[in-house]
Amino acid sequence: MTGRSVEFRLWGQVAAYRDGERVDLGTEKEQCLLVALAGKSTRVRRDALPEWLWDDPPDSAASEIDRYMTRLRGRLVAAGIGDLLENRNRLCRLDVVDAQVDVRRFEALIARARSVADGQAATLLAEALELAEGVPLAGLRSRRIDAYRTALVEQRLAARIRLAEIEIGLGRYRECVPGLVELFLEHPGNAEVTRLTMSSLHFAGRTQDALDTFATHRKQVVENGGLEVDAELGKLQRLIMDNAESLRRPVVQRPAHVIPVPFPPPQEVQRELIVVLRPDDEDLTALRTAISRSFRRDGIDVSVADDRLVCVVPADVPHAEVVTSWLDRVAAEVRFPVRVGVSVEDEELATELAGSDYARRVLAAARTKNLVVVVSDELHEAVVRRQGGPNELRSYRQVEEYPGGWVRVPGYSVPPRPVRVEERRRGPRSGDVLKGPTVYVQGRARIGEQFNAAVINMNARRRDER
């Protein structure tokens, strides 16, 4: 990427630029494929791509995806950026950072605005909205594309509302009037837009326009929609009519000096975690007991599904707590091999991660441990890469096989490399002799950035001598 300026735009028509020159992205299907990859910073499974291109994928979808992927790569190669497209082991990715994709930059700026003072938040939101012009993904069609477009439009509306709310609070109500009137004409039935438009007009001395705005909203909601006007809006109308003392104009404040900030990690969205635990030929009762001893929280739903346990962790439980301290405690409890898959609200993916051959081979290599954890790409991005320290990052290795993810073995500062298939077939692990220097790390015990470990040199001991 050194020496190259590359930018991808999904707001408006989908476009790519190399050193300021537009790149030919080909047909609609190729552009839909690019959208599926550019909108995410994590890898995308190939079997998830057809829904971006077709409402009802044909039987030949897999071969068609291959064909469109080859065409898209060819166009990027022609522009000198073909190496950005990664496609191996049924996992695909566009190797660019958030700053190079307008929708990802937009989302990062909005996330940053949530954690700073109002003056700086207003500047960040305004910068984000400058990126969000036009109809996103213009000209592209599929149910998945339409859903993504709707989500982006809703994010933009929320950002415009939040910016107006901050600006009014800072006393800049006059500057807000033109934009809010335009926004109200686009969304006359939106109660928040109506409230802000009425407030800014009233503070700017245009009280009758504020009352007319309420009347238009009421007509839209009651007469056209058959609903009731929000009670708070009715209260605001009465306060404006009475010119109530409680409706004082906010004090005008000077714009805050904004310190440039690097791209921040988005705040973790509260979503349920799915943890799937698959023991190797063991009674699930013993594993369930280990879980109950390890996770000291109420509200965890644990159920049996064939040869595995499925844990649904409530959204209010921090994801970092689950993938680190909780699973470390489970690892200390179990006395038999267990493979764990963790994903965000996707039981199928968590099951695939726990059942992957890569997880089996890593666990076979971790001859002194009984548990291996594979987290999804999305979870690794949100929890480990964005929130973890250097040691947490080093404790994971990327899985270069389907279905992807990142592997960790509790107790290892760096995951062991998976054994080769022929090694795994030689027999059970219990009688194997450990050779070479071995470092044992107990849980997450550490001081600062250093782990506390015991080093045992040369032909340490057998597994059954632990």
Protein backbone atom coordinates (compact mmCIF):
# COMPACT_ATOMS: atom_id res chain seq x y z
CA MET A 1 0.00 0.00 0.00
CA THR A 2 3.05 2.31 0.34
CA GLY A 3 2.96 5.21 -2.09
CA ARG A 4 -0.58 4.50 -3.23
CA SER A 5 -3.67 6.59 -2.58
CA VAL A 6 -6.70 4.30 -2.69
CA GLU A 7 -10.28 5.24 -1.83
CA PHE A 8 -13.59 3.38 -2.05
CA ARG A 9 -16.92 5.21 -2.00
CA LEU A 10 -20.28 3.62 -1.25
CA TRP A 11 -22.25 6.81 -0.61
CA GLY A 12 -23.80 7.77 -3.95
CA GLN A 13 -22.67 5.58 -6.82
CA VAL A 14 -20.19 2.89 -5.88
CA ALA A 15 -16.74 4.02 -6.97
CA ALA A 16 -13.04 3.40 -6.40
CA TYR A 17 -10.12 5.78 -6.95
CA ARG A 18 -6.42 5.09 -7.32
CA ASP A 19 -4.24 8.21 -7.02
CA GLY A 20 -7.29 10.35 -7.83
CA GLU A 21 -8.25 8.41 -10.97
CA ARG A 22 -11.48 6.48 -11.06
CA VAL A 23 -11.25 2.70 -11.36
CA ASP A 24 -13.62 0.80 -13.64
CA LEU A 25 -15.60 -1.51 -11.33
CA GLY A 26 -17.52 -3.30 -14.08
CA THR A 27 -21.03 -4.66 -13.91
CA GLU A 28 -23.68 -4.31 -11.24
CA LYS A 29 -22.91 -7.80 -9.89
CA GLU A 30 -19.20 -6.99 -9.54
CA GLN A 31 -20.08 -3.77 -7.72
CA CYS A 32 -22.43 -5.66 -5.36
CA LEU A 33 -19.55 -8.01 -4.62
CA LEU A 34 -17.29 -5.06 -3.86
CA VAL A 35 -19.90 -3.57 -1.51
CA ALA A 36 -20.09 -6.83 0.45
CA LEU A 37 -16.33 -6.73 1.00
CA ALA A 38 -15.63 -3.00 1.33
CA GLY A 39 -18.29 -2.36 3.96
CA LYS A 40 -16.61 -4.66 6.49
CA SER A 41 -13.16 -4.62 8.02
CA THR A 42 -13.34 -8.35 8.73
CA ARG A 43 -13.23 -11.29 6.35
CA VAL A 44 -16.46 -12.44 4.71
CA ARG A 45 -17.37 -16.07 4.18
CA ARG A 46 -17.84 -16.98 0.53
CA ASP A 47 -21.13 -18.71 1.25
CA ALA A 48 -22.49 -15.38 2.53
CA LEU A 49 -21.77 -13.53 -0.73
CA PRO A 50 -24.59 -14.79 -3.01
CA GLU A 51 -27.29 -12.94 -1.04
CA TRP A 52 -25.57 -9.67 -1.93
CA LEU A 53 -25.90 -10.42 -5.65
CA TRP A 54 -29.23 -12.24 -5.94
CA ASP A 55 -32.53 -12.30 -4.08
CA ASP A 56 -32.82 -16.00 -4.91
CA PRO A 57 -29.31 -17.33 -5.61
CA PRO A 58 -29.18 -19.78 -8.53
CA ASP A 59 -27.84 -23.31 -8.20
CA SER A 60 -24.72 -22.10 -9.96
CA ALA A 61 -24.13 -19.33 -7.40
CA ALA A 62 -20.76 -20.71 -6.25
CA SER A 63 -19.30 -20.81 -9.76
CA GLU A 64 -20.87 -17.45 -10.58
CA ILE A 65 -19.22 -15.91 -7.51
CA ASP A 66 -15.89 -17.31 -8.75
CA ARG A 67 -16.45 -15.70 -12.13
CA TYR A 68 -17.38 -12.29 -10.71
CA MET A 69 -14.52 -12.44 -8.22
CA THR A 70 -12.07 -13.09 -11.07
CA ARG A 71 -13.48 -10.19 -13.06
CA LEU A 72 -13.33 -7.81 -10.09
CA ARG A 73 -9.75 -8.83 -9.35
CA GLY A 74 -8.85 -8.21 -12.98
CA ARG A 75 -10.20 -4.68 -12.80
CA LEU A 76 -8.29 -3.97 -9.60
CA VAL A 77 -5.14 -5.47 -11.11
CA ALA A 78 -5.51 -3.16 -14.10
CA ALA A 79 -5.51 -0.25 -11.65
CA GLY A 80 -2.45 -1.59 -9.83
CA ILE A 81 -4.32 -2.57 -6.66
CA GLY A 82 -5.19 -6.22 -7.32
CA ASP A 83 -3.37 -7.34 -4.18
CA LEU A 84 -6.08 -5.67 -2.06
CA LEU A 85 -8.54 -8.46 -2.85
CA GLU A 86 -7.94 -11.52 -0.68
CA ASN A 87 -9.76 -14.74 -1.58
CA ARG A 88 -8.57 -17.99 -0.05
CA ASN A 89 -9.89 -20.85 2.06
CA ARG A 90 -13.48 -19.78 1.32
CA LEU A 91 -12.86 -16.44 3.05
CA CYS A 92 -12.72 -13.08 1.29
CA ARG A 93 -11.54 -9.63 2.31
CA LEU A 94 -10.71 -6.23 0.88
CA ASP A 95 -7.42 -5.29 2.55
CA VAL A 96 -8.03 -1.60 3.29
CA VAL A 97 -8.30 0.45 6.48
CA ASP A 98 -11.39 2.33 7.66
CA ALA A 99 -10.08 5.67 6.38
CA GLN A 100 -10.08 4.34 2.81
CA VAL A 101 -13.80 3.47 2.71
CA ASP A 102 -16.25 6.34 3.12
CA VAL A 103 -18.97 4.37 4.98
CA ARG A 104 -16.46 2.97 7.46
CA ARG A 105 -14.93 6.39 8.02
CA PHE A 106 -18.46 7.76 8.49
CA GLU A 107 -19.24 5.13 11.13
CA ALA A 108 -15.90 5.68 12.92
CA LEU A 109 -16.47 9.45 13.16
CA ILE A 110 -19.96 8.93 14.58
CA ALA A 111 -18.60 6.45 17.13
CA ARG A 112 -15.93 8.94 18.17
CA ALA A 113 -18.55 11.69 18.57
CA ARG A 114 -20.28 9.64 21.28
CA SER A 115 -17.29 9.84 23.62
CA VAL A 116 -16.22 13.50 23.40
CA ALA A 117 -17.59 16.87 24.55
CA ASP A 118 -20.41 18.47 22.58
CA GLY A 119 -18.24 21.03 20.81
CA GLN A 120 -15.91 18.41 19.40
CA ALA A 121 -18.79 16.00 18.77
CA ALA A 122 -20.47 18.61 16.55
CA THR A 123 -17.30 18.94 14.46
CA LEU A 124 -16.95 15.16 14.09
CA LEU A 125 -20.61 14.71 13.15
CA ALA A 126 -20.38 17.49 10.58
CA GLU A 127 -17.32 15.81 9.06
CA ALA A 128 -19.17 12.49 8.94
CA LEU A 129 -22.20 14.03 7.24
CA GLU A 130 -20.00 15.61 4.58
CA LEU A 131 -19.14 12.07 3.51
CA ALA A 132 -22.76 10.90 3.50
CA GLU A 133 -24.16 12.64 0.44
CA GLY A 134 -26.65 11.17 -1.99
CA VAL A 135 -28.33 7.77 -2.05
CA PRO A 136 -25.92 5.10 -0.85
CA LEU A 137 -25.20 2.21 -3.23
CA ALA A 138 -27.06 4.06 -5.98
CA GLY A 139 -28.23 1.88 -8.84
CA LEU A 140 -27.61 -1.46 -7.10
CA ARG A 141 -30.43 -3.84 -6.23
CA SER A 142 -30.89 -6.95 -4.09
CA ARG A 143 -32.66 -7.50 -0.81
CA ARG A 144 -29.34 -7.55 1.03
CA ILE A 145 -28.16 -4.38 -0.71
CA ASP A 146 -31.49 -2.68 0.01
CA ALA A 147 -31.23 -3.59 3.71
CA TYR A 148 -27.70 -2.19 3.87
CA ARG A 149 -28.82 0.99 2.10
CA THR A 150 -31.69 1.44 4.57
CA ALA A 151 -29.33 1.00 7.51
CA LEU A 152 -26.95 3.64 6.15
CA VAL A 153 -29.77 6.12 5.53
CA GLU A 154 -31.03 5.58 9.10
CA GLN A 155 -27.53 6.17 10.47
CA ARG A 156 -27.31 9.41 8.51
CA LEU A 157 -30.68 10.60 9.82
CA ALA A 158 -29.65 9.80 13.39
CA ALA A 159 -26.40 11.74 12.90
CA ARG A 160 -28.25 14.78 11.52
CA ILE A 161 -30.66 14.72 14.46
CA ARG A 162 -27.85 14.42 16.98
CA LEU A 163 -25.87 17.24 15.36
CA ALA A 164 -28.90 19.56 15.43
CA GLU A 165 -29.57 18.69 19.05
CA ILE A 166 -25.98 19.56 20.01
CA GLU A 167 -25.94 22.77 17.97
CA ILE A 168 -29.17 24.01 19.57
CA GLY A 169 -27.81 23.18 23.00
CA LEU A 170 -24.70 25.24 22.21
CA GLY A 171 -26.87 28.21 21.29
CA ARG A 172 -26.41 27.95 17.51
CA TYR A 173 -30.12 27.64 16.81
CA ARG A 174 -30.17 30.24 14.02
CA GLU A 175 -27.57 28.32 12.05
CA CYS A 176 -29.66 25.16 12.46
CA VAL A 177 -32.88 26.55 10.99
CA PRO A 178 -32.24 26.00 7.24
CA GLY A 179 -30.98 22.45 7.66
CA LEU A 180 -33.76 21.48 10.06
CA VAL A 181 -36.50 22.93 7.87
CA GLU A 182 -35.13 20.89 4.96
CA LEU A 183 -34.93 17.80 7.15
CA PHE A 184 -38.51 18.31 8.35
CA LEU A 185 -39.77 18.51 4.77
CA GLU A 186 -38.11 15.13 4.17
CA HIS A 187 -39.45 13.60 7.41
CA PRO A 188 -42.63 15.45 8.48
CA GLY A 189 -43.81 12.47 10.52
CA ASN A 190 -40.63 12.16 12.60
CA ALA A 191 -41.26 13.42 16.14
CA GLU A 192 -37.59 14.16 16.93
CA VAL A 193 -37.10 16.16 13.73
CA THR A 194 -40.31 18.06 14.44
CA ARG A 195 -39.26 18.86 18.02
CA LEU A 196 -35.88 20.21 16.96
CA THR A 197 -37.32 22.21 14.06
CA MET A 198 -39.96 23.80 16.31
CA SER A 199 -37.36 24.64 18.96
CA SER A 200 -34.87 26.22 16.57
CA LEU A 201 -37.58 28.29 14.84
CA HIS A 202 -38.98 29.51 18.16
CA PHE A 203 -35.55 30.46 19.55
CA ALA A 204 -34.79 32.27 16.29
CA GLY A 205 -37.91 34.44 16.76
CA ARG A 206 -40.07 32.59 14.21
CA THR A 207 -42.74 31.40 16.62
CA GLN A 208 -45.54 31.17 14.06
CA ASP A 209 -43.37 29.04 11.78
CA ALA A 210 -42.73 26.77 14.77
CA LEU A 211 -46.48 26.36 15.37
CA ASP A 212 -47.08 25.78 11.64
CA THR A 213 -44.47 23.03 11.77
CA PHE A 214 -46.42 21.34 14.56
CA ALA A 215 -49.65 21.62 12.57
CA THR A 216 -48.03 19.99 9.53
CA HIS A 217 -46.68 17.19 11.69
CA ARG A 218 -50.05 16.60 13.33
CA LYS A 219 -51.76 16.39 9.96
CA GLN A 220 -49.17 13.91 8.75
CA VAL A 221 -49.47 11.72 11.85
CA VAL A 222 -53.17 11.96 12.73
CA GLU A 223 -54.98 12.53 9.46
CA ASN A 224 -52.72 10.61 7.13
CA GLY A 225 -51.31 8.00 9.50
CA GLY A 226 -54.17 7.47 11.91
CA LEU A 227 -51.85 7.78 14.91
CA GLU A 228 -51.57 10.13 17.88
CA VAL A 229 -49.17 13.03 18.25
CA ASP A 230 -46.35 12.44 20.72
CA ALA A 231 -47.32 13.84 24.13
CA GLU A 232 -44.01 15.71 24.51
CA LEU A 233 -44.58 17.49 21.20
CA GLY A 234 -48.04 18.57 22.35
CA LYS A 235 -46.48 19.94 25.52
CA LEU A 236 -43.84 21.83 23.50
CA GLN A 237 -46.56 23.37 21.32
CA ARG A 238 -48.38 24.69 24.39
CA LEU A 239 -45.18 26.10 25.86
CA ILE A 240 -44.42 27.93 22.61
CA MET A 241 -47.96 29.32 22.42
CA ASP A 242 -47.67 30.59 25.99
CA ASN A 243 -44.12 31.84 25.40
CA ALA A 244 -43.29 30.01 28.60
CA GLU A 245 -40.35 31.14 30.70
CA SER A 246 -39.09 27.55 30.75
CA LEU A 247 -38.31 27.84 27.02
CA ARG A 248 -35.28 30.03 27.39
CA ARG A 249 -32.87 30.47 24.54
CA PRO A 250 -29.65 28.49 25.02
CA VAL A 251 -26.57 30.62 25.60
CA VAL A 252 -24.43 30.95 22.49
CA GLN A 253 -21.09 29.23 22.99
CA ARG A 254 -17.95 29.56 20.96
CA PRO A 255 -16.99 26.55 18.87
CA ALA A 256 -14.60 24.37 20.82
CA HIS A 257 -11.04 23.96 19.63
CA VAL A 258 -10.98 20.48 18.16
CA ILE A 259 -7.88 18.38 18.63
CA PRO A 260 -7.39 16.01 15.68
CA VAL A 261 -7.99 12.44 16.77
CA PRO A 262 -6.96 9.16 15.19
CA PHE A 263 -9.56 6.71 14.02
CA PRO A 264 -11.14 5.33 17.17
CA PRO A 265 -12.60 1.94 17.91
CA PRO A 266 -16.39 1.98 17.56
CA GLN A 267 -18.16 1.50 20.86
CA GLU A 268 -19.14 -2.08 21.48
CA VAL A 269 -22.76 -2.58 20.53
CA GLN A 270 -24.64 -4.59 23.12
CA ARG A 271 -25.53 -7.87 21.43
CA GLU A 272 -25.87 -11.42 22.64
CA LEU A 273 -22.90 -13.76 22.42
CA ILE A 274 -23.26 -17.38 21.37
CA VAL A 275 -20.73 -19.74 22.93
CA VAL A 276 -20.69 -23.33 21.63
CA LEU A 277 -18.64 -25.92 23.53
CA ARG A 278 -17.90 -29.30 21.93
CA PRO A 279 -16.18 -31.95 24.09
CA ASP A 280 -14.41 -34.90 22.51
CA ASP A 281 -16.49 -37.95 23.40
CA GLU A 282 -17.30 -36.84 26.93
CA ASP A 283 -20.47 -36.58 28.97
CA LEU A 284 -21.99 -33.11 28.54
CA THR A 285 -23.01 -33.15 32.20
CA ALA A 286 -19.42 -32.71 33.37
CA LEU A 287 -18.93 -29.83 30.96
CA ARG A 288 -22.12 -28.18 32.12
CA THR A 289 -20.89 -28.41 35.71
CA ALA A 290 -17.62 -26.72 34.71
CA ILE A 291 -19.57 -23.91 33.06
CA SER A 292 -21.77 -23.33 36.11
CA ARG A 293 -18.68 -23.11 38.33
CA SER A 294 -16.87 -20.75 35.97
CA PHE A 295 -19.42 -18.15 34.92
CA ARG A 296 -20.80 -16.46 38.00
CA ARG A 297 -23.64 -14.53 36.42
CA ASP A 298 -27.38 -14.97 36.19
CA GLY A 299 -29.29 -15.08 32.95
CA ILE A 300 -26.97 -17.39 30.97
CA ASP A 301 -29.08 -19.79 28.91
CA VAL A 302 -27.31 -23.17 28.54
CA SER A 303 -28.89 -25.84 26.35
CA VAL A 304 -27.88 -29.19 24.87
CA ALA A 305 -27.77 -29.55 21.08
CA ASP A 306 -26.65 -33.02 19.93
CA ASP A 307 -22.95 -33.31 20.84
CA ARG A 308 -22.44 -29.81 22.19
CA LEU A 309 -23.56 -27.20 24.69
CA VAL A 310 -24.89 -23.85 23.47
CA CYS A 311 -24.64 -20.86 25.82
CA VAL A 312 -26.53 -17.66 25.06
CA VAL A 313 -24.89 -14.81 26.97
CA PRO A 314 -27.08 -11.72 27.57
CA ALA A 315 -26.18 -8.53 25.74
CA ASP A 316 -25.35 -6.65 28.95
CA VAL A 317 -22.40 -8.96 29.72
CA PRO A 318 -19.16 -7.43 28.37
CA HIS A 319 -17.86 -9.48 25.46
CA ALA A 320 -14.28 -9.16 26.71
CA GLU A 321 -15.24 -10.83 29.99
CA VAL A 322 -16.65 -13.83 28.15
CA VAL A 323 -13.78 -14.48 25.74
CA THR A 324 -11.07 -13.97 28.37
CA SER A 325 -11.72 -14.48 32.08
CA TRP A 326 -14.77 -16.73 31.77
CA LEU A 327 -13.23 -19.10 29.23
CA ASP A 328 -9.96 -19.08 31.19
CA ARG A 329 -11.90 -20.34 34.22
CA VAL A 330 -13.63 -23.00 32.12
CA ALA A 331 -10.21 -24.13 30.85
CA ALA A 332 -9.03 -24.54 34.44
CA GLU A 333 -12.07 -26.67 35.29
CA VAL A 334 -12.23 -29.16 32.41
CA ARG A 335 -10.24 -32.40 32.46
CA PHE A 336 -10.98 -33.50 28.91
CA PRO A 337 -10.53 -31.90 25.44
CA VAL A 338 -13.10 -29.19 24.61
CA ARG A 339 -13.33 -26.98 21.52
CA VAL A 340 -15.13 -23.65 21.88
CA GLY A 341 -16.59 -21.39 19.19
CA VAL A 342 -17.78 -17.86 19.99
CA SER A 343 -19.69 -15.48 17.74
CA VAL A 344 -22.09 -12.56 17.96
CA GLU A 345 -25.71 -13.73 17.61
CA ASP A 346 -24.82 -16.49 15.13
CA GLU A 347 -25.17 -20.01 16.50
CA GLU A 348 -24.42 -21.63 13.14
CA LEU A 349 -21.09 -19.82 12.85
CA ALA A 350 -20.15 -20.55 16.48
CA THR A 351 -20.91 -24.24 15.87
CA GLU A 352 -18.72 -24.26 12.75
CA LEU A 353 -15.87 -22.55 14.60
CA ALA A 354 -16.01 -25.08 17.46
CA GLY A 355 -16.20 -28.00 15.05
CA SER A 356 -13.49 -26.85 12.66
CA ASP A 357 -10.64 -29.17 11.82
CA TYR A 358 -8.21 -26.34 12.57
CA ALA A 359 -9.46 -26.19 16.17
CA ARG A 360 -8.97 -29.95 16.51
CA ARG A 361 -5.40 -29.75 15.24
CA VAL A 362 -4.47 -26.80 17.49
CA LEU A 363 -5.86 -28.66 20.50
CA ALA A 364 -3.84 -31.72 19.48
CA ALA A 365 -0.73 -29.52 19.45
CA ALA A 366 -1.55 -28.03 22.88
CA ARG A 367 -0.61 -31.24 24.60
CA THR A 368 -0.77 -29.85 28.14
CA LYS A 369 -4.10 -28.06 27.77
CA ASN A 370 -7.66 -29.23 27.31
CA LEU A 371 -9.43 -26.24 25.79
CA VAL A 372 -9.11 -24.26 22.57
CA VAL A 373 -11.16 -21.15 21.75
CA VAL A 374 -12.01 -19.87 18.26
CA VAL A 375 -13.71 -16.45 18.10
CA SER A 376 -15.31 -15.01 14.98
CA ASP A 377 -13.58 -12.35 12.89
CA GLU A 378 -16.18 -9.79 13.98
CA LEU A 379 -15.65 -10.51 17.67
CA HIS A 380 -11.86 -10.42 17.36
CA GLU A 381 -12.05 -7.07 15.60
CA ALA A 382 -14.36 -5.52 18.22
CA VAL A 383 -12.92 -6.99 21.41
CA VAL A 384 -9.33 -8.11 20.89
CA ARG A 385 -7.88 -5.84 18.23
CA ARG A 386 -9.65 -2.67 19.35
CA GLN A 387 -9.68 -3.17 23.11
CA GLY A 388 -6.93 -5.64 23.99
CA GLY A 389 -3.31 -4.95 24.86
CA PRO A 390 -0.23 -6.35 23.08
CA ASN A 391 -0.31 -9.60 25.04
CA GLU A 392 -3.95 -10.24 24.17
CA LEU A 393 -3.19 -9.66 20.50
CA ARG A 394 -0.28 -12.09 20.56
CA SER A 395 -2.38 -14.75 22.27
CA TYR A 396 -4.50 -15.16 19.12
CA ARG A 397 -3.62 -16.57 15.70
CA GLN A 398 -5.71 -16.01 12.59
CA VAL A 399 -7.29 -19.14 11.13
CA GLU A 400 -6.47 -19.32 7.43
CA GLU A 401 -9.09 -21.98 6.75
CA TYR A 402 -12.86 -22.01 6.47
CA PRO A 403 -14.84 -20.80 8.46
CA GLY A 404 -12.14 -18.35 9.56
CA GLY A 405 -11.89 -16.81 13.00
CA TRP A 406 -9.03 -16.43 15.49
CA VAL A 407 -7.75 -19.19 17.75
CA ARG A 408 -6.50 -18.99 21.35
CA VAL A 409 -5.44 -21.61 23.86
CA PRO A 410 -5.91 -20.40 27.47
CA GLY A 411 -2.61 -20.80 29.25
CA TYR A 412 -0.50 -20.23 26.12
CA SER A 413 0.95 -16.77 25.48
CA VAL A 414 1.04 -17.68 21.76
CA PRO A 415 -1.18 -20.42 20.30
CA PRO A 416 0.66 -23.56 19.20
CA ARG A 417 0.71 -24.21 15.50
CA PRO A 418 -1.77 -26.90 14.48
CA VAL A 419 -0.38 -30.39 14.04
CA ARG A 420 -0.35 -31.79 10.53
CA VAL A 421 -3.10 -34.22 9.66
CA GLU A 422 -0.73 -37.20 9.52
CA GLU A 423 0.59 -36.37 13.00
CA ARG A 424 -2.88 -36.24 14.42
CA ARG A 425 -3.59 -39.76 13.14
CA ARG A 426 -0.70 -41.35 15.05
CA GLY A 427 -2.72 -41.93 18.17
CA PRO A 428 -4.06 -40.42 21.40
CA ARG A 429 -2.37 -37.54 23.14
CA SER A 430 -2.20 -38.97 26.62
CA GLY A 431 1.08 -40.88 26.25
CA ASP A 432 2.97 -38.28 24.21
CA VAL A 433 6.21 -36.92 25.60
CA LEU A 434 6.69 -33.16 25.59
CA LYS A 435 10.01 -32.18 24.09
CA GLY A 436 12.01 -28.98 24.20
CA PRO A 437 11.63 -25.98 26.48
CA THR A 438 8.03 -25.48 27.51
CA VAL A 439 6.50 -22.33 28.98
CA TYR A 440 3.45 -22.72 31.19
CA VAL A 441 1.29 -19.64 31.72
CA GLN A 442 -1.35 -19.97 34.40
CA GLY A 443 -4.55 -18.24 33.24
CA ARG A 444 -4.05 -14.52 32.69
CA ALA A 445 -1.62 -13.99 35.60
CA ARG A 446 0.62 -11.10 34.74
CA ILE A 447 2.23 -7.88 35.97
CA GLY A 448 1.71 -5.01 33.54
CA GLU A 449 2.61 -6.38 30.13
CA GLN A 450 4.59 -9.36 31.48
CA PHE A 451 3.16 -12.83 32.03
CA ASN A 452 4.07 -14.88 35.08
CA ALA A 453 5.22 -18.26 33.80
CA ALA A 454 7.10 -21.37 34.83
CA VAL A 455 9.75 -22.65 32.41
CA ILE A 456 10.52 -26.35 32.31
CA ASN A 457 13.55 -27.28 30.20
CA MET A 458 14.06 -30.20 27.83
CA ASN A 459 11.83 -33.26 27.79
CA ALA A 460 9.68 -31.71 30.50
CA ARG A 461 7.17 -34.40 31.39
CA ARG A 462 4.33 -36.51 30.15
CA ARG A 463 0.80 -35.29 29.92
CA ASP A 464 -0.32 -37.68 32.67
CA GLU A 465 2.31 -36.25 35.05
CA ARG A 466 0.73 -32.81 35.27
